[in-house]
Amino acid sequence: MERIKRQLDDIVDVNNNNKKQKTFATTNQFNFENLANEIIYDIFEYLDVYDIYYGFYHLNKRFKNLTIYSNLHCQVDISTTSKSNFESYYEDIIKPNKNRIKIFRLSNPFTIDLIFSPPRIICDFIQLENLILDNINSRYLNNIFKHLIYLPKLHSLTVSTIDNIPNPSSIFIQIFQLTKLKYCKIKYNEDGSPINFDECKQSSIEHLIIDSPFRYELFNKLLTCLPKLRHLSINYLTGSNYSEIDFYPILLKDLKSVSFGIYSIHFEEFKKLTENFFNSIESLRISTHNNSSYSHAKQWEELISSSMPNLHSFDLQNHYAGAMQKFLYSCLGGKFGSKFWTEKQWFFKNQDGDHKSSDNGLFFQ
C-alpha cells in the first residue's frame, strides 16, 4: 500500500513539473509580443533592415506596422539583394516611407531601374539628405539630375558609373546646379573627352572627391566654380611633365585640406598649383609614382614656408619601381632629417618592397 502511494505521489510530481514546464514555455512564446513598441524598436537597432523586414513584416498586423514605420527605414542601403526580394521590399517598405527616407544607397542596376522609372519619382523623397548611386548606368544620369534639383534637403551625393560617359562635362554642369549640395564624390569612366566648365555655375559644394582621371590644366576653371570649397581630393590627377600652363590665382580662404594622386606631373608644375590656390591649406596629402622630383627636401621646405604657412599635416608617399629609382630615393631621403622637418615632427622612411632584394618600394612620411 505504501509503495502504491509513493508511486502515485511520484506521478503527481511529474505531472506538476510538466505543467510548470509547459506554462513556462507558453509564457516565453508570448514574451516578445508583450514588449512595448519602444523596446521592440530598440531591438530593431541591432538588426539588419532586411532581417527586420523578412523576420517581422508578415507575422501579424502589429509587427507589420512596426516594420513599416520604424525609423530605421530613414536609412535605406540596398547593396546585396536579389531582384525579386528587392521588388517586394520596395513595394512594402520604400514606397510607404518615401517622404521619410533621409539616406538612400542603391548599388545594383536593377534597383535603379525600378526606383527611377520614371525618373520624376525621386521628387517624392522630400526628406532625402544623402543619395548614393553605385554602379549606375550613365544613361540615367541626365534625367535623375534634372529632378534632384527639386529635393530641398539633399546635401550629399555620391555617384559611380559602370560605363563610359561620352560627355563628362554634362555631369559637372548638372551637379553644380544643386544649390544645397555640400558633399560630392564622383567616379566615372571616360573616353578622354575634355571637360568644359564654361557652362558650370558656382557651386555650394564644400567637400569634393573626384575618383577619376582629371587633367591638371583644368584647375583654374574647376576652382572658379567652387568658392566655398573646404576639402579637395583627386585620386588621378594627370598631366604631362613640364606642361606650359599659366594659372591665375584664386583666393580660397576656406580650403583647408587637399589630397592628390599625381601622375606625370613634375614638382615644378605642382608648385604652380600651390602658389595660386593652396595658400590657406592646413593638410596636404600627395601620392606619386616613379617621380623623384617630389623627393628634394629643400624645395619642399621653400614651398611650404612661402606658400603654405598654415600647413600642419603633411603626408607624402612616393611609390617607385626599378633600381635607378631606388638609388635616387636612397640618396635623397636623408635630406628630410633637417631641423625644419624635426621641429614639425615630420619624419620620413624608405621602405623596400616585399623582399629586401626588390627594386620596388615606398618613400613616405
Protein backbone atom coordinates (compact mmCIF):
# COMPACT_ATOMS: atom_id res chain seq x y z
CA MET A 1 0.00 0.00 0.00
CA GLU A 2 2.81 2.34 0.99
CA ARG A 3 4.59 1.52 -2.29
CA ILE A 4 1.45 2.35 -4.35
CA LYS A 5 1.03 5.68 -2.54
CA ARG A 6 4.67 6.57 -3.17
CA GLN A 7 4.22 5.77 -6.88
CA LEU A 8 1.10 7.94 -7.05
CA ASP A 9 2.95 10.81 -5.37
CA ASP A 10 5.75 10.46 -7.91
CA ILE A 11 3.26 10.60 -10.79
CA VAL A 12 1.66 13.74 -9.36
CA ASP A 13 5.07 15.41 -9.01
CA VAL A 14 5.97 14.57 -12.61
CA ASN A 15 2.64 15.92 -13.84
CA ASN A 16 3.12 19.11 -11.85
CA ASN A 17 6.62 19.55 -13.25
CA ASN A 18 5.33 19.03 -16.77
CA LYS A 19 2.64 21.64 -16.18
CA LYS A 20 5.25 24.07 -14.92
CA GLN A 21 7.43 23.42 -17.96
CA LYS A 22 4.51 23.84 -20.31
CA THR A 23 3.43 27.03 -18.58
CA PHE A 24 6.99 28.34 -18.74
CA ALA A 25 7.27 27.54 -22.44
CA THR A 26 3.90 29.15 -23.18
CA THR A 27 4.91 32.28 -21.28
CA ASN A 28 8.14 32.54 -23.32
CA GLN A 29 6.22 32.18 -26.54
CA PHE A 30 4.26 35.38 -25.89
CA ASN A 31 7.04 37.28 -24.14
CA PHE A 32 8.32 39.14 -27.23
CA GLU A 33 4.83 40.14 -28.35
CA ASN A 34 4.15 41.60 -24.90
CA LEU A 35 7.07 44.02 -25.18
CA ALA A 36 6.30 47.70 -25.62
CA ASN A 37 6.80 49.19 -29.08
CA GLU A 38 9.66 51.34 -27.81
CA ILE A 39 11.58 48.25 -26.64
CA ILE A 40 11.00 46.45 -29.93
CA TYR A 41 12.32 49.48 -31.80
CA ASP A 42 15.40 49.38 -29.57
CA ILE A 43 15.91 45.73 -30.54
CA PHE A 44 15.49 46.64 -34.21
CA GLU A 45 18.53 48.92 -33.84
CA TYR A 46 20.73 45.82 -33.54
CA LEU A 47 19.30 44.06 -36.61
CA ASP A 48 19.84 44.48 -40.32
CA VAL A 49 16.98 46.27 -42.08
CA TYR A 50 16.41 43.28 -44.33
CA ASP A 51 16.30 40.90 -41.35
CA ILE A 52 13.67 43.09 -39.73
CA TYR A 53 11.60 43.09 -42.89
CA TYR A 54 11.79 39.38 -43.63
CA GLY A 55 11.55 38.36 -39.96
CA PHE A 56 8.66 40.52 -38.77
CA TYR A 57 6.70 42.07 -41.64
CA HIS A 58 4.50 39.03 -42.30
CA LEU A 59 3.92 37.95 -38.65
CA ASN A 60 0.81 39.98 -37.87
CA LYS A 61 -0.68 43.43 -38.34
CA ARG A 62 1.10 44.94 -35.33
CA PHE A 63 4.56 43.82 -36.43
CA LYS A 64 3.78 44.80 -39.98
CA ASN A 65 3.08 48.36 -38.83
CA LEU A 66 6.14 48.37 -36.59
CA THR A 67 8.24 47.31 -39.58
CA ILE A 68 6.77 49.90 -41.93
CA TYR A 69 7.08 52.84 -39.58
CA SER A 70 10.43 52.02 -37.99
CA ASN A 71 12.86 54.94 -38.02
CA LEU A 72 15.43 52.54 -39.43
CA HIS A 73 13.81 53.00 -42.81
CA CYS A 74 15.02 56.58 -42.80
CA GLN A 75 18.29 54.94 -43.92
CA VAL A 76 17.98 52.54 -46.85
CA ASP A 77 21.08 50.67 -48.03
CA ILE A 78 20.35 48.36 -50.95
CA SER A 79 23.67 46.68 -51.61
CA THR A 80 23.27 42.91 -51.98
CA THR A 81 19.83 41.51 -52.69
CA SER A 82 18.04 39.59 -55.41
CA LYS A 83 15.70 41.34 -57.82
CA SER A 84 12.58 39.56 -56.54
CA ASN A 85 13.41 40.32 -52.90
CA PHE A 86 14.05 43.94 -53.68
CA GLU A 87 10.78 44.32 -55.58
CA SER A 88 8.76 43.18 -52.55
CA TYR A 89 10.86 45.32 -50.21
CA TYR A 90 10.32 48.30 -52.48
CA GLU A 91 6.54 47.86 -52.51
CA ASP A 92 6.17 47.10 -48.79
CA ILE A 93 8.75 49.40 -47.22
CA ILE A 94 10.26 52.00 -49.55
CA LYS A 95 7.05 53.22 -51.17
CA PRO A 96 5.20 53.87 -47.88
CA ASN A 97 8.28 55.65 -46.50
CA LYS A 98 9.27 57.78 -49.49
CA ASN A 99 8.66 61.01 -47.64
CA ARG A 100 10.68 59.84 -44.58
CA ILE A 101 13.86 58.40 -46.10
CA LYS A 102 16.95 60.52 -45.39
CA ILE A 103 19.77 58.28 -46.62
CA PHE A 104 19.36 56.19 -49.76
CA ARG A 105 22.05 53.91 -51.19
CA LEU A 106 21.49 51.90 -54.36
CA SER A 107 24.22 49.55 -55.58
CA ASN A 108 22.59 47.31 -58.18
CA PRO A 109 21.49 48.37 -61.67
CA PHE A 110 18.07 46.69 -61.33
CA THR A 111 17.29 48.67 -58.15
CA ILE A 112 17.91 51.89 -60.02
CA ASP A 113 15.78 50.62 -62.92
CA LEU A 114 12.85 50.12 -60.57
CA ILE A 115 13.11 53.25 -58.45
CA PHE A 116 13.86 55.73 -61.22
CA SER A 117 11.24 54.56 -63.69
CA PRO A 118 10.11 57.22 -64.35
CA PRO A 119 12.91 59.46 -63.00
CA ARG A 120 10.50 62.02 -61.53
CA ILE A 121 9.66 59.53 -58.75
CA ILE A 122 12.77 60.74 -56.93
CA CYS A 123 10.93 64.03 -56.30
CA ASP A 124 8.73 62.22 -53.78
CA PHE A 125 11.72 61.66 -51.46
CA ILE A 126 11.32 65.12 -49.94
CA GLN A 127 13.37 64.37 -46.78
CA LEU A 128 16.31 62.88 -48.68
CA GLU A 129 19.65 64.26 -47.49
CA ASN A 130 22.20 61.73 -48.74
CA LEU A 131 21.93 59.87 -52.07
CA ILE A 132 24.47 57.20 -53.07
CA LEU A 133 24.26 55.71 -56.57
CA ASP A 134 26.81 52.93 -57.11
CA ASN A 135 27.25 51.17 -60.46
CA ILE A 136 24.68 53.29 -62.23
CA ASN A 137 24.32 53.30 -65.99
CA SER A 138 25.18 56.76 -67.32
CA ARG A 139 22.02 56.87 -69.45
CA TYR A 140 20.04 57.53 -66.27
CA LEU A 141 22.12 60.43 -65.04
CA ASN A 142 20.70 63.32 -67.05
CA ASN A 143 17.10 62.56 -66.11
CA ILE A 144 17.93 61.86 -62.47
CA PHE A 145 19.93 65.07 -62.06
CA LYS A 146 17.10 67.08 -63.60
CA HIS A 147 14.87 66.04 -60.73
CA LEU A 148 17.39 66.15 -57.89
CA ILE A 149 17.23 69.92 -58.03
CA TYR A 150 13.72 69.70 -56.53
CA LEU A 151 14.88 67.91 -53.37
CA PRO A 152 15.06 70.67 -50.73
CA LYS A 153 17.33 68.85 -48.24
CA LEU A 154 19.77 66.96 -50.47
CA HIS A 155 23.27 67.93 -49.31
CA SER A 156 25.35 64.81 -50.05
CA LEU A 157 25.69 63.00 -53.39
CA THR A 158 27.87 60.03 -54.39
CA VAL A 159 27.81 58.74 -57.97
CA SER A 160 29.80 55.99 -59.69
CA THR A 161 29.06 54.76 -63.21
CA ILE A 162 29.60 51.33 -64.75
CA ASP A 163 30.05 52.53 -68.33
CA ASN A 164 31.88 55.22 -70.26
CA ILE A 165 30.46 58.72 -70.18
CA PRO A 166 30.71 60.30 -73.64
CA ASN A 167 30.35 63.82 -72.24
CA PRO A 168 31.55 64.16 -68.62
CA SER A 169 31.03 67.94 -68.83
CA SER A 170 27.28 67.42 -68.51
CA ILE A 171 27.71 65.65 -65.15
CA PHE A 172 29.59 68.57 -63.62
CA ILE A 173 27.15 71.09 -65.09
CA GLN A 174 24.17 69.36 -63.51
CA ILE A 175 25.83 68.56 -60.18
CA PHE A 176 26.94 72.16 -59.75
CA GLN A 177 23.31 73.26 -60.22
CA LEU A 178 22.28 71.52 -56.97
CA THR A 179 22.20 74.55 -54.71
CA LYS A 180 22.08 72.71 -51.35
CA LEU A 181 24.90 70.29 -52.08
CA LYS A 182 27.81 70.27 -49.59
CA TYR A 183 29.46 66.90 -50.28
CA CYS A 184 30.04 65.25 -53.64
CA LYS A 185 32.01 62.15 -54.61
CA ILE A 186 32.06 61.22 -58.26
CA LYS A 187 33.62 58.32 -60.14
CA TYR A 188 33.13 57.91 -63.86
CA ASN A 189 34.67 56.10 -66.81
CA GLU A 190 35.60 58.48 -69.58
CA ASP A 191 36.90 58.06 -73.10
CA GLY A 192 39.29 61.01 -73.00
CA SER A 193 36.75 63.69 -73.88
CA PRO A 194 37.73 67.08 -72.42
CA ILE A 195 35.68 68.56 -69.59
CA ASN A 196 34.30 72.02 -70.28
CA PHE A 197 33.48 74.06 -67.15
CA ASP A 198 32.44 77.19 -69.06
CA GLU A 199 28.72 76.42 -68.60
CA CYS A 200 29.04 75.44 -64.93
CA LYS A 201 27.53 77.68 -62.27
CA GLN A 202 29.23 78.45 -58.99
CA SER A 203 28.52 75.57 -56.64
CA SER A 204 27.80 75.32 -52.91
CA ILE A 205 29.98 72.18 -52.64
CA GLU A 206 32.44 72.20 -49.73
CA HIS A 207 33.84 68.67 -49.95
CA LEU A 208 34.66 67.33 -53.44
CA ILE A 209 36.18 63.93 -54.29
CA ILE A 210 36.93 63.07 -57.93
CA ASP A 211 37.85 59.39 -58.19
CA SER A 212 38.58 59.51 -61.92
CA PRO A 213 41.31 60.89 -64.19
CA PHE A 214 41.32 64.68 -64.07
CA ARG A 215 43.52 66.94 -66.18
CA TYR A 216 45.97 69.28 -64.47
CA GLU A 217 45.24 72.18 -66.81
CA LEU A 218 41.56 72.31 -65.76
CA PHE A 219 42.28 73.54 -62.23
CA ASN A 220 41.52 77.20 -62.80
CA LYS A 221 38.12 76.52 -64.32
CA LEU A 222 37.21 73.91 -61.71
CA LEU A 223 38.13 76.04 -58.70
CA THR A 224 36.41 79.11 -60.13
CA CYS A 225 33.17 77.17 -59.69
CA LEU A 226 33.88 76.21 -56.06
CA PRO A 227 34.25 79.36 -53.93
CA LYS A 228 33.15 77.56 -50.72
CA LEU A 229 35.44 74.55 -51.12
CA ARG A 230 36.94 73.17 -47.88
CA HIS A 231 38.31 69.77 -48.96
CA LEU A 232 39.50 68.65 -52.39
CA SER A 233 40.58 65.12 -53.29
CA ILE A 234 41.55 63.97 -56.80
CA ASN A 235 42.81 60.41 -56.97
CA TYR A 236 44.14 60.55 -60.55
CA LEU A 237 45.50 63.99 -61.27
CA THR A 238 47.13 63.65 -64.68
CA GLY A 239 49.23 65.85 -66.92
CA SER A 240 52.44 65.91 -68.89
CA ASN A 241 55.77 66.79 -67.30
CA TYR A 242 56.80 70.42 -67.83
CA SER A 243 53.50 71.36 -69.47
CA GLU A 244 53.32 75.10 -70.05
CA ILE A 245 50.16 76.11 -68.20
CA ASP A 246 49.69 79.60 -66.79
CA PHE A 247 47.27 79.75 -63.87
CA TYR A 248 45.74 82.88 -62.37
CA PRO A 249 45.41 82.96 -58.58
CA ILE A 250 42.11 82.27 -56.83
CA LEU A 251 41.62 83.09 -53.15
CA LEU A 252 40.10 80.02 -51.47
CA LYS A 253 40.22 81.03 -47.83
CA ASP A 254 38.04 78.09 -46.72
CA LEU A 255 40.11 75.41 -48.47
CA LYS A 256 41.91 73.54 -45.67
CA SER A 257 42.57 70.02 -46.96
CA VAL A 258 43.98 68.77 -50.28
CA SER A 259 44.75 65.21 -51.41
CA PHE A 260 46.14 64.17 -54.80
CA GLY A 261 47.27 61.03 -56.55
CA ILE A 262 49.72 62.53 -59.08
CA TYR A 263 50.64 61.04 -62.46
CA SER A 264 53.07 62.60 -64.99
CA ILE A 265 53.22 65.99 -63.29
CA HIS A 266 56.64 67.40 -62.35
CA PHE A 267 57.12 69.08 -58.98
CA GLU A 268 57.53 72.47 -60.67
CA GLU A 269 54.05 72.12 -62.14
CA PHE A 270 52.59 71.12 -58.79
CA LYS A 271 54.32 74.16 -57.31
CA LYS A 272 52.23 76.39 -59.60
CA LEU A 273 49.05 74.92 -58.14
CA THR A 274 50.23 75.55 -54.61
CA GLU A 275 51.29 79.13 -55.25
CA ASN A 276 48.00 80.02 -56.95
CA PHE A 277 45.37 78.08 -55.00
CA PHE A 278 46.56 76.46 -51.77
CA ASN A 279 47.82 79.29 -49.56
CA SER A 280 45.30 78.55 -46.80
CA ILE A 281 45.53 74.77 -46.58
CA GLU A 282 46.36 73.01 -43.31
CA SER A 283 46.55 69.43 -44.56
CA LEU A 284 48.31 68.11 -47.69
CA ARG A 285 48.45 64.52 -48.90
CA ILE A 286 50.45 63.65 -52.03
CA SER A 287 50.99 60.26 -53.68
CA THR A 288 53.33 59.93 -56.69
CA HIS A 289 54.64 57.08 -58.83
CA ASN A 290 58.23 56.93 -60.12
CA ASN A 291 58.63 60.68 -59.84
CA SER A 292 61.75 61.61 -57.89
CA SER A 293 61.15 65.33 -58.49
CA TYR A 294 58.98 65.28 -55.34
CA SER A 295 61.80 63.94 -53.16
CA HIS A 296 64.01 67.01 -52.83
CA ALA A 297 63.70 68.20 -49.24
CA LYS A 298 64.96 71.74 -49.85
CA GLN A 299 62.34 72.58 -52.47
CA TRP A 300 59.60 71.34 -50.14
CA GLU A 301 60.96 73.48 -47.31
CA GLU A 302 60.88 76.56 -49.53
CA LEU A 303 57.41 75.85 -50.91
CA ILE A 304 55.85 75.14 -47.52
CA SER A 305 57.44 78.22 -45.94
CA SER A 306 56.43 80.59 -48.74
CA SER A 307 53.07 79.26 -49.94
CA MET A 308 51.62 77.02 -47.21
CA PRO A 309 52.42 78.74 -43.90
CA ASN A 310 49.45 77.12 -42.09
CA LEU A 311 50.33 73.55 -43.05
CA HIS A 312 50.39 71.24 -40.02
CA SER A 313 49.67 67.85 -41.60
CA PHE A 314 51.88 66.64 -44.47
CA ASP A 315 51.62 63.13 -45.94
CA LEU A 316 54.00 62.38 -48.82
CA GLN A 317 54.13 58.95 -50.47
CA ASN A 318 56.46 58.26 -53.40
CA HIS A 319 55.98 54.82 -54.92
CA TYR A 320 58.91 53.68 -57.03
CA ALA A 321 59.98 50.70 -59.14
CA GLY A 322 63.37 49.95 -60.66
CA ALA A 323 66.99 50.03 -59.50
CA MET A 324 67.62 53.62 -60.60
CA GLN A 325 64.56 54.99 -58.79
CA LYS A 326 65.53 53.01 -55.69
CA PHE A 327 69.01 54.52 -55.78
CA LEU A 328 67.65 58.07 -56.17
CA TYR A 329 65.26 57.75 -53.23
CA SER A 330 68.01 56.25 -51.07
CA CYS A 331 70.22 59.26 -51.79
CA LEU A 332 67.54 61.93 -51.45
CA GLY A 333 65.70 60.56 -48.42
CA GLY A 334 68.36 61.61 -45.93
CA LYS A 335 67.79 65.30 -46.71
CA PHE A 336 64.44 65.18 -44.89
CA GLY A 337 66.15 64.99 -41.50
CA SER A 338 66.98 68.69 -41.14
CA LYS A 339 65.78 70.99 -38.35
CA PHE A 340 62.86 72.17 -40.50
CA TRP A 341 61.37 68.66 -40.52
CA THR A 342 62.23 67.58 -36.99
CA GLU A 343 60.69 70.72 -35.48
CA LYS A 344 57.41 69.89 -37.21
CA GLN A 345 57.82 66.23 -36.18
CA TRP A 346 57.56 65.10 -39.79
CA PHE A 347 59.75 62.03 -40.23
CA PHE A 348 60.33 60.11 -43.47
CA LYS A 349 61.10 56.47 -44.17
CA ASN A 350 62.22 54.41 -47.14
CA GLN A 351 60.55 51.01 -47.34
CA ASP A 352 61.55 48.23 -49.74
CA GLY A 353 59.04 46.02 -51.48
CA ASP A 354 58.09 42.52 -50.39
CA HIS A 355 61.73 41.38 -50.47
CA LYS A 356 64.89 43.23 -49.50
CA SER A 357 66.35 42.46 -52.89
CA SER A 358 63.34 44.07 -54.58
CA ASP A 359 63.81 47.26 -56.60
CA ASN A 360 60.26 48.33 -55.73
CA GLY A 361 59.48 50.40 -52.66
CA LEU A 362 57.83 53.34 -50.97
CA PHE A 363 59.30 56.58 -49.67
CA PHE A 364 56.83 58.11 -47.24
CA GLN A 365 56.20 60.40 -44.32
